[in-house]
PDB file of all heavy atoms in Angstrom:
ATOM      1  N   MET A   1      16.603 -21.404   1.710  1.00  0.00           N
ATOM      2  CA  MET A   1      16.419 -20.630   2.942  1.00  0.00           C
ATOM      3  C   MET A   1      16.429 -19.129   2.642  1.00  0.00           C
ATOM      4  O   MET A   1      15.613 -18.369   3.182  1.00  0.00           O
ATOM      5  CB  MET A   1      17.513 -20.975   3.947  1.00  0.00           C
ATOM      6  CG  MET A   1      17.392 -22.356   4.552  1.00  0.00           C
ATOM      7  SD  MET A   1      18.534 -22.637   5.935  1.00  0.00           S
ATOM      8  CE  MET A   1      20.119 -22.491   5.103  1.00  0.00           C
ATOM      9  N   TYR A   2      17.338 -18.707   1.796  1.00  0.00           N
ATOM     10  CA  TYR A   2      17.432 -17.285   1.455  1.00  0.00           C
ATOM     11  C   TYR A   2      16.151 -16.796   0.782  1.00  0.00           C
ATOM     12  O   TYR A   2      15.619 -15.731   1.121  1.00  0.00           O
ATOM     13  CB  TYR A   2      18.637 -17.052   0.540  1.00  0.00           C
ATOM     14  CG  TYR A   2      18.830 -15.613   0.133  1.00  0.00           C
ATOM     15  CD1 TYR A   2      19.577 -14.748   0.926  1.00  0.00           C
ATOM     16  CD2 TYR A   2      18.253 -15.102  -1.039  1.00  0.00           C
ATOM     17  CE1 TYR A   2      19.759 -13.422   0.557  1.00  0.00           C
ATOM     18  CE2 TYR A   2      18.420 -13.785  -1.399  1.00  0.00           C
ATOM     19  CZ  TYR A   2      19.175 -12.946  -0.600  1.00  0.00           C
ATOM     20  OH  TYR A   2      19.331 -11.634  -0.960  1.00  0.00           O
ATOM     21  N   VAL A   3      15.630 -17.566  -0.159  1.00  0.00           N
ATOM     22  CA  VAL A   3      14.414 -17.168  -0.870  1.00  0.00           C
ATOM     23  C   VAL A   3      13.228 -17.108   0.087  1.00  0.00           C
ATOM     24  O   VAL A   3      12.442 -16.155   0.056  1.00  0.00           O
ATOM     25  CB  VAL A   3      14.126 -18.140  -2.037  1.00  0.00           C
ATOM     26  CG1 VAL A   3      12.748 -17.876  -2.630  1.00  0.00           C
ATOM     27  CG2 VAL A   3      15.201 -18.015  -3.114  1.00  0.00           C
ATOM     28  N   VAL A   4      13.094 -18.110   0.941  1.00  0.00           N
ATOM     29  CA  VAL A   4      11.986 -18.128   1.909  1.00  0.00           C
ATOM     30  C   VAL A   4      12.074 -16.938   2.855  1.00  0.00           C
ATOM     31  O   VAL A   4      11.066 -16.274   3.143  1.00  0.00           O
ATOM     32  CB  VAL A   4      11.985 -19.451   2.701  1.00  0.00           C
ATOM     33  CG1 VAL A   4      10.990 -19.392   3.857  1.00  0.00           C
ATOM     34  CG2 VAL A   4      11.639 -20.617   1.783  1.00  0.00           C
ATOM     35  N   ILE A   5      13.274 -16.626   3.311  1.00  0.00           N
ATOM     36  CA  ILE A   5      13.459 -15.482   4.210  1.00  0.00           C
ATOM     37  C   ILE A   5      13.110 -14.182   3.496  1.00  0.00           C
ATOM     38  O   ILE A   5      12.407 -13.323   4.047  1.00  0.00           O
ATOM     39  CB  ILE A   5      14.908 -15.432   4.732  1.00  0.00           C
ATOM     40  CG1 ILE A   5      15.154 -16.578   5.714  1.00  0.00           C
ATOM     41  CG2 ILE A   5      15.195 -14.097   5.415  1.00  0.00           C
ATOM     42  CD1 ILE A   5      16.607 -16.744   6.087  1.00  0.00           C
ATOM     43  N   GLY A   6      13.579 -14.015   2.268  1.00  0.00           N
ATOM     44  CA  GLY A   6      13.291 -12.791   1.519  1.00  0.00           C
ATOM     45  C   GLY A   6      11.807 -12.590   1.300  1.00  0.00           C
ATOM     46  O   GLY A   6      11.274 -11.490   1.501  1.00  0.00           O
ATOM     47  N   LEU A   7      11.097 -13.647   0.894  1.00  0.00           N
ATOM     48  CA  LEU A   7       9.646 -13.551   0.702  1.00  0.00           C
ATOM     49  C   LEU A   7       8.940 -13.263   2.020  1.00  0.00           C
ATOM     50  O   LEU A   7       8.000 -12.452   2.070  1.00  0.00           O
ATOM     51  CB  LEU A   7       9.118 -14.845   0.092  1.00  0.00           C
ATOM     52  CG  LEU A   7       9.518 -15.144  -1.365  1.00  0.00           C
ATOM     53  CD1 LEU A   7       9.057 -16.533  -1.764  1.00  0.00           C
ATOM     54  CD2 LEU A   7       8.931 -14.095  -2.311  1.00  0.00           C
ATOM     55  N   SER A   8       9.380 -13.904   3.089  1.00  0.00           N
ATOM     56  CA  SER A   8       8.744 -13.707   4.391  1.00  0.00           C
ATOM     57  C   SER A   8       8.912 -12.275   4.887  1.00  0.00           C
ATOM     58  O   SER A   8       7.986 -11.691   5.469  1.00  0.00           O
ATOM     59  CB  SER A   8       9.328 -14.691   5.411  1.00  0.00           C
ATOM     60  OG  SER A   8       9.118 -16.025   5.013  1.00  0.00           O
ATOM     61  N   LEU A   9      10.094 -11.696   4.663  1.00  0.00           N
ATOM     62  CA  LEU A   9      10.309 -10.301   5.065  1.00  0.00           C
ATOM     63  C   LEU A   9       9.333  -9.372   4.347  1.00  0.00           C
ATOM     64  O   LEU A   9       8.772  -8.447   4.950  1.00  0.00           O
ATOM     65  CB  LEU A   9      11.748  -9.882   4.757  1.00  0.00           C
ATOM     66  CG  LEU A   9      12.859 -10.478   5.622  1.00  0.00           C
ATOM     67  CD1 LEU A   9      14.217  -9.969   5.166  1.00  0.00           C
ATOM     68  CD2 LEU A   9      12.640 -10.140   7.088  1.00  0.00           C
ATOM     69  N   GLY A  10       9.115  -9.615   3.050  1.00  0.00           N
ATOM     70  CA  GLY A  10       8.190  -8.776   2.298  1.00  0.00           C
ATOM     71  C   GLY A  10       6.751  -8.941   2.754  1.00  0.00           C
ATOM     72  O   GLY A  10       6.030  -7.959   2.938  1.00  0.00           O
ATOM     73  N   VAL A  11       6.313 -10.179   2.954  1.00  0.00           N
ATOM     74  CA  VAL A  11       4.926 -10.437   3.360  1.00  0.00           C
ATOM     75  C   VAL A  11       4.646  -9.840   4.729  1.00  0.00           C
ATOM     76  O   VAL A  11       3.609  -9.174   4.941  1.00  0.00           O
ATOM     77  CB  VAL A  11       4.651 -11.961   3.367  1.00  0.00           C
ATOM     78  CG1 VAL A  11       3.306 -12.270   4.021  1.00  0.00           C
ATOM     79  CG2 VAL A  11       4.684 -12.504   1.937  1.00  0.00           C
ATOM     80  N   LEU A  12       5.545 -10.054   5.693  1.00  0.00           N
ATOM     81  CA  LEU A  12       5.330  -9.530   7.043  1.00  0.00           C
ATOM     82  C   LEU A  12       5.335  -8.002   7.053  1.00  0.00           C
ATOM     83  O   LEU A  12       4.534  -7.374   7.755  1.00  0.00           O
ATOM     84  CB  LEU A  12       6.416 -10.063   7.981  1.00  0.00           C
ATOM     85  CG  LEU A  12       6.301  -9.642   9.456  1.00  0.00           C
ATOM     86  CD1 LEU A  12       4.953 -10.054  10.038  1.00  0.00           C
ATOM     87  CD2 LEU A  12       7.448 -10.243  10.278  1.00  0.00           C
ATOM     88  N   ALA A  13       6.217  -7.394   6.253  1.00  0.00           N
ATOM     89  CA  ALA A  13       6.238  -5.933   6.171  1.00  0.00           C
ATOM     90  C   ALA A  13       4.919  -5.401   5.627  1.00  0.00           C
ATOM     91  O   ALA A  13       4.376  -4.412   6.139  1.00  0.00           O
ATOM     92  CB  ALA A  13       7.389  -5.477   5.278  1.00  0.00           C
ATOM     93  N   GLY A  14       4.384  -6.051   4.600  1.00  0.00           N
ATOM     94  CA  GLY A  14       3.095  -5.623   4.054  1.00  0.00           C
ATOM     95  C   GLY A  14       1.987  -5.705   5.072  1.00  0.00           C
ATOM     96  O   GLY A  14       1.164  -4.783   5.199  1.00  0.00           O
ATOM     97  N   LEU A  15       1.938  -6.784   5.828  1.00  0.00           N
ATOM     98  CA  LEU A  15       0.917  -6.952   6.861  1.00  0.00           C
ATOM     99  C   LEU A  15       1.008  -5.850   7.908  1.00  0.00           C
ATOM    100  O   LEU A  15       0.000  -5.208   8.254  1.00  0.00           O
ATOM    101  CB  LEU A  15       1.080  -8.324   7.519  1.00  0.00           C
ATOM    102  CG  LEU A  15       0.211  -8.601   8.747  1.00  0.00           C
ATOM    103  CD1 LEU A  15      -1.261  -8.579   8.373  1.00  0.00           C
ATOM    104  CD2 LEU A  15       0.579  -9.935   9.384  1.00  0.00           C
ATOM    105  N   LEU A  16       2.208  -5.603   8.416  1.00  0.00           N
ATOM    106  CA  LEU A  16       2.374  -4.602   9.469  1.00  0.00           C
ATOM    107  C   LEU A  16       2.015  -3.199   8.986  1.00  0.00           C
ATOM    108  O   LEU A  16       1.342  -2.432   9.692  1.00  0.00           O
ATOM    109  CB  LEU A  16       3.816  -4.625   9.982  1.00  0.00           C
ATOM    110  CG  LEU A  16       4.246  -5.890  10.747  1.00  0.00           C
ATOM    111  CD1 LEU A  16       5.728  -5.814  11.102  1.00  0.00           C
ATOM    112  CD2 LEU A  16       3.408  -6.046  12.014  1.00  0.00           C
ATOM    113  N   LEU A  17       2.441  -2.839   7.787  1.00  0.00           N
ATOM    114  CA  LEU A  17       2.202  -1.476   7.304  1.00  0.00           C
ATOM    115  C   LEU A  17       0.747  -1.256   6.917  1.00  0.00           C
ATOM    116  O   LEU A  17       0.255  -0.127   6.993  1.00  0.00           O
ATOM    117  CB  LEU A  17       3.133  -1.171   6.129  1.00  0.00           C
ATOM    118  CG  LEU A  17       4.602  -1.015   6.562  1.00  0.00           C
ATOM    119  CD1 LEU A  17       5.501  -0.827   5.360  1.00  0.00           C
ATOM    120  CD2 LEU A  17       4.761   0.161   7.513  1.00  0.00           C
ATOM    121  N   ASP A  18       0.040  -2.305   6.515  1.00  0.00           N
ATOM    122  CA  ASP A  18      -1.399  -2.145   6.310  1.00  0.00           C
ATOM    123  C   ASP A  18      -2.121  -1.952   7.635  1.00  0.00           C
ATOM    124  O   ASP A  18      -3.065  -1.160   7.736  1.00  0.00           O
ATOM    125  CB  ASP A  18      -1.965  -3.366   5.572  1.00  0.00           C
ATOM    126  CG  ASP A  18      -2.088  -3.116   4.073  1.00  0.00           C
ATOM    127  OD1 ASP A  18      -1.966  -1.946   3.660  1.00  0.00           O
ATOM    128  OD2 ASP A  18      -2.304  -4.080   3.324  1.00  0.00           O
ATOM    129  N   ILE A  19      -1.700  -2.663   8.667  1.00  0.00           N
ATOM    130  CA  ILE A  19      -2.286  -2.483   9.997  1.00  0.00           C
ATOM    131  C   ILE A  19      -2.079  -1.051  10.475  1.00  0.00           C
ATOM    132  O   ILE A  19      -2.967  -0.441  11.085  1.00  0.00           O
ATOM    133  CB  ILE A  19      -1.664  -3.489  10.997  1.00  0.00           C
ATOM    134  CG1 ILE A  19      -2.117  -4.918  10.650  1.00  0.00           C
ATOM    135  CG2 ILE A  19      -2.058  -3.138  12.434  1.00  0.00           C
ATOM    136  CD1 ILE A  19      -1.449  -5.988  11.491  1.00  0.00           C
ATOM    137  N   LEU A  20      -0.907  -0.489  10.168  1.00  0.00           N
ATOM    138  CA  LEU A  20      -0.589   0.892  10.582  1.00  0.00           C
ATOM    139  C   LEU A  20      -1.209   1.943   9.664  1.00  0.00           C
ATOM    140  O   LEU A  20      -1.068   3.138   9.928  1.00  0.00           O
ATOM    141  CB  LEU A  20       0.932   1.074  10.590  1.00  0.00           C
ATOM    142  CG  LEU A  20       1.714   0.295  11.642  1.00  0.00           C
ATOM    143  CD1 LEU A  20       3.204   0.378  11.363  1.00  0.00           C
ATOM    144  CD2 LEU A  20       1.407   0.830  13.040  1.00  0.00           C
ATOM    145  N   LYS A  21      -1.894   1.500   8.594  1.00  0.00           N
ATOM    146  CA  LYS A  21      -2.463   2.432   7.595  1.00  0.00           C
ATOM    147  C   LYS A  21      -1.377   3.379   7.080  1.00  0.00           C
ATOM    148  O   LYS A  21      -1.499   4.608   7.107  1.00  0.00           O
ATOM    149  CB  LYS A  21      -3.629   3.225   8.196  1.00  0.00           C
ATOM    150  CG  LYS A  21      -4.766   2.322   8.690  1.00  0.00           C
ATOM    151  CD  LYS A  21      -5.948   3.146   9.151  1.00  0.00           C
ATOM    152  CE  LYS A  21      -7.035   2.261   9.740  1.00  0.00           C
ATOM    153  NZ  LYS A  21      -7.552   1.259   8.799  1.00  0.00           N
ATOM    154  N   ALA A  22      -0.297   2.776   6.583  1.00  0.00           N
ATOM    155  CA  ALA A  22       0.894   3.534   6.217  1.00  0.00           C
ATOM    156  C   ALA A  22       0.699   4.429   5.008  1.00  0.00           C
ATOM    157  O   ALA A  22       1.562   5.271   4.725  1.00  0.00           O
ATOM    158  CB  ALA A  22       2.060   2.567   5.958  1.00  0.00           C
ATOM    159  N   HIS A  23      -0.413   4.312   4.282  1.00  0.00           N
ATOM    160  CA  HIS A  23      -0.629   5.201   3.140  1.00  0.00           C
ATOM    161  C   HIS A  23      -0.707   6.656   3.575  1.00  0.00           C
ATOM    162  O   HIS A  23      -0.524   7.566   2.762  1.00  0.00           O
ATOM    163  CB  HIS A  23      -1.909   4.800   2.393  1.00  0.00           C
ATOM    164  CG  HIS A  23      -3.144   4.875   3.230  1.00  0.00           C
ATOM    165  ND1 HIS A  23      -3.628   3.794   3.938  1.00  0.00           N
ATOM    166  CD2 HIS A  23      -3.981   5.905   3.489  1.00  0.00           C
ATOM    167  CE1 HIS A  23      -4.725   4.156   4.586  1.00  0.00           C
ATOM    168  NE2 HIS A  23      -4.957   5.429   4.330  1.00  0.00           N
ATOM    169  N   ARG A  24      -0.970   6.878   4.874  1.00  0.00           N
ATOM    170  CA  ARG A  24      -1.018   8.257   5.394  1.00  0.00           C
ATOM    171  C   ARG A  24       0.333   8.939   5.311  1.00  0.00           C
ATOM    172  O   ARG A  24       0.417  10.169   5.363  1.00  0.00           O
ATOM    173  CB  ARG A  24      -1.462   8.246   6.866  1.00  0.00           C
ATOM    174  CG  ARG A  24      -2.839   7.656   7.121  1.00  0.00           C
ATOM    175  CD  ARG A  24      -3.084   7.544   8.606  1.00  0.00           C
ATOM    176  NE  ARG A  24      -2.170   6.579   9.225  1.00  0.00           N
ATOM    177  CZ  ARG A  24      -2.000   6.467  10.542  1.00  0.00           C
ATOM    178  NH1 ARG A  24      -2.642   7.272  11.375  1.00  0.00           N
ATOM    179  NH2 ARG A  24      -1.162   5.557  11.029  1.00  0.00           N
ATOM    180  N   TRP A  25       1.407   8.149   5.199  1.00  0.00           N
ATOM    181  CA  TRP A  25       2.753   8.696   5.270  1.00  0.00           C
ATOM    182  C   TRP A  25       3.446   8.737   3.918  1.00  0.00           C
ATOM    183  O   TRP A  25       4.670   8.865   3.836  1.00  0.00           O
ATOM    184  CB  TRP A  25       3.581   7.875   6.259  1.00  0.00           C
ATOM    185  CG  TRP A  25       2.945   7.821   7.610  1.00  0.00           C
ATOM    186  CD1 TRP A  25       2.223   8.800   8.230  1.00  0.00           C
ATOM    187  CD2 TRP A  25       2.960   6.710   8.520  1.00  0.00           C
ATOM    188  NE1 TRP A  25       1.792   8.384   9.458  1.00  0.00           N
ATOM    189  CE2 TRP A  25       2.215   7.101   9.670  1.00  0.00           C
ATOM    190  CE3 TRP A  25       3.516   5.432   8.485  1.00  0.00           C
ATOM    191  CZ2 TRP A  25       2.032   6.259  10.757  1.00  0.00           C
ATOM    192  CZ3 TRP A  25       3.341   4.601   9.566  1.00  0.00           C
ATOM    193  CH2 TRP A  25       2.609   4.995  10.688  1.00  0.00           C
ATOM    194  N   LEU A  26       2.672   8.617   2.838  1.00  0.00           N
ATOM    195  CA  LEU A  26       3.218   8.860   1.511  1.00  0.00           C
ATOM    196  C   LEU A  26       3.362  10.363   1.294  1.00  0.00           C
ATOM    197  O   LEU A  26       2.728  11.169   1.981  1.00  0.00           O
ATOM    198  CB  LEU A  26       2.292   8.267   0.447  1.00  0.00           C
ATOM    199  CG  LEU A  26       2.141   6.745   0.416  1.00  0.00           C
ATOM    200  CD1 LEU A  26       0.979   6.348  -0.495  1.00  0.00           C
ATOM    201  CD2 LEU A  26       3.431   6.082  -0.048  1.00  0.00           C
ATOM    202  N   GLN A  27       4.200  10.739   0.323  1.00  0.00           N
ATOM    203  CA  GLN A  27       4.276  12.156  -0.036  1.00  0.00           C
ATOM    204  C   GLN A  27       2.916  12.605  -0.570  1.00  0.00           C
ATOM    205  O   GLN A  27       2.184  11.803  -1.165  1.00  0.00           O
ATOM    206  CB  GLN A  27       5.365  12.390  -1.080  1.00  0.00           C
ATOM    207  CG  GLN A  27       6.777  12.246  -0.550  1.00  0.00           C
ATOM    208  CD  GLN A  27       7.194  13.361   0.398  1.00  0.00           C
ATOM    209  OE1 GLN A  27       6.409  14.254   0.700  1.00  0.00           O
ATOM    210  NE2 GLN A  27       8.420  13.325   0.875  1.00  0.00           N
ATOM    211  N   PRO A  28       2.541  13.884  -0.365  1.00  0.00           N
ATOM    212  CA  PRO A  28       1.194  14.348  -0.705  1.00  0.00           C
ATOM    213  C   PRO A  28       0.737  14.018  -2.116  1.00  0.00           C
ATOM    214  O   PRO A  28      -0.415  13.630  -2.326  1.00  0.00           O
ATOM    215  CB  PRO A  28       1.292  15.863  -0.486  1.00  0.00           C
ATOM    216  CG  PRO A  28       2.330  16.021   0.573  1.00  0.00           C
ATOM    217  CD  PRO A  28       3.333  14.933   0.302  1.00  0.00           C
ATOM    218  N   PHE A  29       1.627  14.123  -3.115  1.00  0.00           N
ATOM    219  CA  PHE A  29       1.179  13.886  -4.481  1.00  0.00           C
ATOM    220  C   PHE A  29       0.810  12.422  -4.706  1.00  0.00           C
ATOM    221  O   PHE A  29      -0.096  12.117  -5.496  1.00  0.00           O
ATOM    222  CB  PHE A  29       2.255  14.334  -5.491  1.00  0.00           C
ATOM    223  CG  PHE A  29       3.420  13.400  -5.636  1.00  0.00           C
ATOM    224  CD1 PHE A  29       3.472  12.484  -6.678  1.00  0.00           C
ATOM    225  CD2 PHE A  29       4.477  13.435  -4.736  1.00  0.00           C
ATOM    226  CE1 PHE A  29       4.540  11.622  -6.817  1.00  0.00           C
ATOM    227  CE2 PHE A  29       5.554  12.574  -4.871  1.00  0.00           C
ATOM    228  CZ  PHE A  29       5.589  11.666  -5.911  1.00  0.00           C
ATOM    229  N   LEU A  30       1.462  11.491  -3.982  1.00  0.00           N
ATOM    230  CA  LEU A  30       1.100  10.080  -4.095  1.00  0.00           C
ATOM    231  C   LEU A  30      -0.077   9.731  -3.200  1.00  0.00           C
ATOM    232  O   LEU A  30      -0.940   8.935  -3.570  1.00  0.00           O
ATOM    233  CB  LEU A  30       2.296   9.201  -3.735  1.00  0.00           C
ATOM    234  CG  LEU A  30       3.228   8.776  -4.872  1.00  0.00           C
ATOM    235  CD1 LEU A  30       4.289   7.820  -4.358  1.00  0.00           C
ATOM    236  CD2 LEU A  30       2.470   8.145  -6.018  1.00  0.00           C
ATOM    237  N   ALA A  31      -0.111  10.337  -2.014  1.00  0.00           N
ATOM    238  CA  ALA A  31      -1.230  10.085  -1.105  1.00  0.00           C
ATOM    239  C   ALA A  31      -2.545  10.525  -1.737  1.00  0.00           C
ATOM    240  O   ALA A  31      -3.585   9.872  -1.584  1.00  0.00           O
ATOM    241  CB  ALA A  31      -1.001  10.809   0.217  1.00  0.00           C
ATOM    242  N   LYS A  32      -2.498  11.634  -2.470  1.00  0.00           N
ATOM    243  CA  LYS A  32      -3.701  12.125  -3.140  1.00  0.00           C
ATOM    244  C   LYS A  32      -4.178  11.125  -4.183  1.00  0.00           C
ATOM    245  O   LYS A  32      -5.380  10.834  -4.297  1.00  0.00           O
ATOM    246  CB  LYS A  32      -3.408  13.471  -3.796  1.00  0.00           C
ATOM    247  CG  LYS A  32      -4.614  14.080  -4.511  1.00  0.00           C
ATOM    248  CD  LYS A  32      -4.244  15.421  -5.128  1.00  0.00           C
ATOM    249  CE  LYS A  32      -5.442  16.008  -5.871  1.00  0.00           C
ATOM    250  NZ  LYS A  32      -5.104  17.310  -6.493  1.00  0.00           N
ATOM    251  N   ALA A  33      -3.241  10.563  -4.961  1.00  0.00           N
ATOM    252  CA  ALA A  33      -3.612   9.571  -5.970  1.00  0.00           C
ATOM    253  C   ALA A  33      -4.152   8.305  -5.314  1.00  0.00           C
ATOM    254  O   ALA A  33      -5.108   7.698  -5.787  1.00  0.00           O
ATOM    255  CB  ALA A  33      -2.408   9.243  -6.847  1.00  0.00           C
ATOM    256  N   TYR A  34      -3.550   7.933  -4.184  1.00  0.00           N
ATOM    257  CA  TYR A  34      -3.963   6.709  -3.493  1.00  0.00           C
ATOM    258  C   TYR A  34      -5.357   6.841  -2.895  1.00  0.00           C
ATOM    259  O   TYR A  34      -6.149   5.898  -2.901  1.00  0.00           O
ATOM    260  CB  TYR A  34      -2.952   6.383  -2.396  1.00  0.00           C
ATOM    261  CG  TYR A  34      -3.192   5.069  -1.700  1.00  0.00           C
ATOM    262  CD1 TYR A  34      -2.694   3.886  -2.228  1.00  0.00           C
ATOM    263  CD2 TYR A  34      -3.911   4.994  -0.510  1.00  0.00           C
ATOM    264  CE1 TYR A  34      -2.905   2.666  -1.602  1.00  0.00           C
ATOM    265  CE2 TYR A  34      -4.131   3.789   0.122  1.00  0.00           C
ATOM    266  CZ  TYR A  34      -3.622   2.636  -0.426  1.00  0.00           C
ATOM    267  OH  TYR A  34      -3.848   1.425   0.205  1.00  0.00           O
ATOM    268  N   LEU A  35      -5.664   8.038  -2.371  1.00  0.00           N
ATOM    269  CA  LEU A  35      -6.931   8.254  -1.682  1.00  0.00           C
ATOM    270  C   LEU A  35      -8.005   8.841  -2.580  1.00  0.00           C
ATOM    271  O   LEU A  35      -9.076   9.208  -2.109  1.00  0.00           O
ATOM    272  CB  LEU A  35      -6.707   9.185  -0.474  1.00  0.00           C
ATOM    273  CG  LEU A  35      -5.800   8.621   0.627  1.00  0.00           C
ATOM    274  CD1 LEU A  35      -5.509   9.691   1.665  1.00  0.00           C
ATOM    275  CD2 LEU A  35      -6.427   7.395   1.272  1.00  0.00           C
ATOM    276  N   GLN A  36      -7.703   8.971  -3.869  1.00  0.00           N
ATOM    277  CA  GLN A  36      -8.665   9.532  -4.814  1.00  0.00           C
ATOM    278  C   GLN A  36      -9.963   8.732  -4.762  1.00  0.00           C
ATOM    279  O   GLN A  36      -9.963   7.520  -4.606  1.00  0.00           O
ATOM    280  CB  GLN A  36      -8.088   9.470  -6.234  1.00  0.00           C
ATOM    281  CG  GLN A  36      -8.883  10.268  -7.249  1.00  0.00           C
ATOM    282  CD  GLN A  36      -8.173  10.264  -8.598  1.00  0.00           C
ATOM    283  OE1 GLN A  36      -7.258   9.478  -8.805  1.00  0.00           O
ATOM    284  NE2 GLN A  36      -8.575  11.126  -9.494  1.00  0.00           N
ATOM    285  N   ASP A  37     -11.082   9.423  -4.899  1.00  0.00           N
ATOM    286  CA  ASP A  37     -12.382   8.763  -4.823  1.00  0.00           C
ATOM    287  C   ASP A  37     -12.449   7.567  -5.758  1.00  0.00           C
ATOM    288  O   ASP A  37     -12.386   7.698  -6.974  1.00  0.00           O
ATOM    289  CB  ASP A  37     -13.493   9.749  -5.192  1.00  0.00           C
ATOM    290  CG  ASP A  37     -14.873   9.095  -5.105  1.00  0.00           C
ATOM    291  OD1 ASP A  37     -15.290   8.768  -3.986  1.00  0.00           O
ATOM    292  OD2 ASP A  37     -15.503   8.904  -6.155  1.00  0.00           O
ATOM    293  N   GLU A  38     -12.550   6.383  -5.166  1.00  0.00           N
ATOM    294  CA  GLU A  38     -12.454   5.161  -5.948  1.00  0.00           C
ATOM    295  C   GLU A  38     -13.647   4.950  -6.860  1.00  0.00           C
ATOM    296  O   GLU A  38     -13.516   4.567  -8.009  1.00  0.00           O
ATOM    297  CB  GLU A  38     -12.296   3.966  -4.995  1.00  0.00           C
ATOM    298  CG  GLU A  38     -12.119   2.659  -5.719  1.00  0.00           C
ATOM    299  CD  GLU A  38     -11.794   1.529  -4.766  1.00  0.00           C
ATOM    300  OE1 GLU A  38     -11.296   1.822  -3.673  1.00  0.00           O
ATOM    301  OE2 GLU A  38     -12.056   0.381  -5.122  1.00  0.00           O
ATOM    302  N   SER A  39     -14.853   5.216  -6.340  1.00  0.00           N
ATOM    303  CA  SER A  39     -16.048   4.943  -7.138  1.00  0.00           C
ATOM    304  C   SER A  39     -16.114   5.817  -8.374  1.00  0.00           C
ATOM    305  O   SER A  39     -16.384   5.348  -9.474  1.00  0.00           O
ATOM    306  CB  SER A  39     -17.290   5.146  -6.273  1.00  0.00           C
ATOM    307  OG  SER A  39     -17.352   6.486  -5.791  1.00  0.00           O
ATOM    308  N   GLY A  40     -15.788   7.094  -8.225  1.00  0.00           N
ATOM    309  CA  GLY A  40     -15.848   7.995  -9.372  1.00  0.00           C
ATOM    310  C   GLY A  40     -14.821   7.646 -10.418  1.00  0.00           C
ATOM    311  O   GLY A  40     -15.100   7.606 -11.606  1.00  0.00           O
ATOM    312  N   CYS A  41     -13.604   7.346  -9.942  1.00  0.00           N
ATOM    313  CA  CYS A  41     -12.541   7.032 -10.904  1.00  0.00           C
ATOM    314  C   CYS A  41     -12.800   5.705 -11.603  1.00  0.00           C
ATOM    315  O   CYS A  41     -12.617   5.581 -12.793  1.00  0.00           O
ATOM    316  CB  CYS A  41     -11.185   6.990 -10.182  1.00  0.00           C
ATOM    317  SG  CYS A  41      -9.807   6.739 -11.293  1.00  0.00           S
ATOM    318  N   SER A  42     -13.252   4.704 -10.854  1.00  0.00           N
ATOM    319  CA  SER A  42     -13.487   3.397 -11.453  1.00  0.00           C
ATOM    320  C   SER A  42     -14.607   3.451 -12.470  1.00  0.00           C
ATOM    321  O   SER A  42     -14.530   2.876 -13.539  1.00  0.00           O
ATOM    322  CB  SER A  42     -13.836   2.374 -10.359  1.00  0.00           C
ATOM    323  OG  SER A  42     -12.724   2.178  -9.510  1.00  0.00           O
ATOM    324  N   ALA A  43     -15.660   4.189 -12.120  1.00  0.00           N
ATOM    325  CA  ALA A  43     -16.785   4.288 -13.045  1.00  0.00           C
ATOM    326  C   ALA A  43     -16.347   4.943 -14.337  1.00  0.00           C
ATOM    327  O   ALA A  43     -16.705   4.521 -15.435  1.00  0.00           O
ATOM    328  CB  ALA A  43     -17.915   5.080 -12.396  1.00  0.00           C
ATOM    329  N   ASN A  44     -15.540   5.995 -14.204  1.00  0.00           N
ATOM    330  CA  ASN A  44     -15.085   6.695 -15.394  1.00  0.00           C
ATOM    331  C   ASN A  44     -14.210   5.790 -16.252  1.00  0.00           C
ATOM    332  O   ASN A  44     -14.290   5.794 -17.472  1.00  0.00           O
ATOM    333  CB  ASN A  44     -14.292   7.951 -14.973  1.00  0.00           C
ATOM    334  CG  ASN A  44     -13.809   8.746 -16.161  1.00  0.00           C
ATOM    335  OD1 ASN A  44     -14.601   9.240 -16.949  1.00  0.00           O
ATOM    336  ND2 ASN A  44     -12.488   8.864 -16.288  1.00  0.00           N
ATOM    337  N   THR A  45     -13.373   4.995 -15.555  1.00  0.00           N
ATOM    338  CA  THR A  45     -12.471   4.112 -16.300  1.00  0.00           C
ATOM    339  C   THR A  45     -13.232   3.028 -17.028  1.00  0.00           C
ATOM    340  O   THR A  45     -12.962   2.714 -18.174  1.00  0.00           O
ATOM    341  CB  THR A  45     -11.445   3.481 -15.331  1.00  0.00           C
ATOM    342  OG1 THR A  45     -10.720   4.521 -14.712  1.00  0.00           O
ATOM    343  CG2 THR A  45     -10.502   2.559 -16.054  1.00  0.00           C
TER     344      THR A  45
END
């Protein structure tokens, strides 16, 4: 029961915060890395 509850808390939190687009509320230095142009960075990598 404890393991199922712990996993469920994590999964539900992830769902809710993605719906809220919570990446907007990271500190600027992390938000910048998160929102970095994906196509340019991936191509370079």
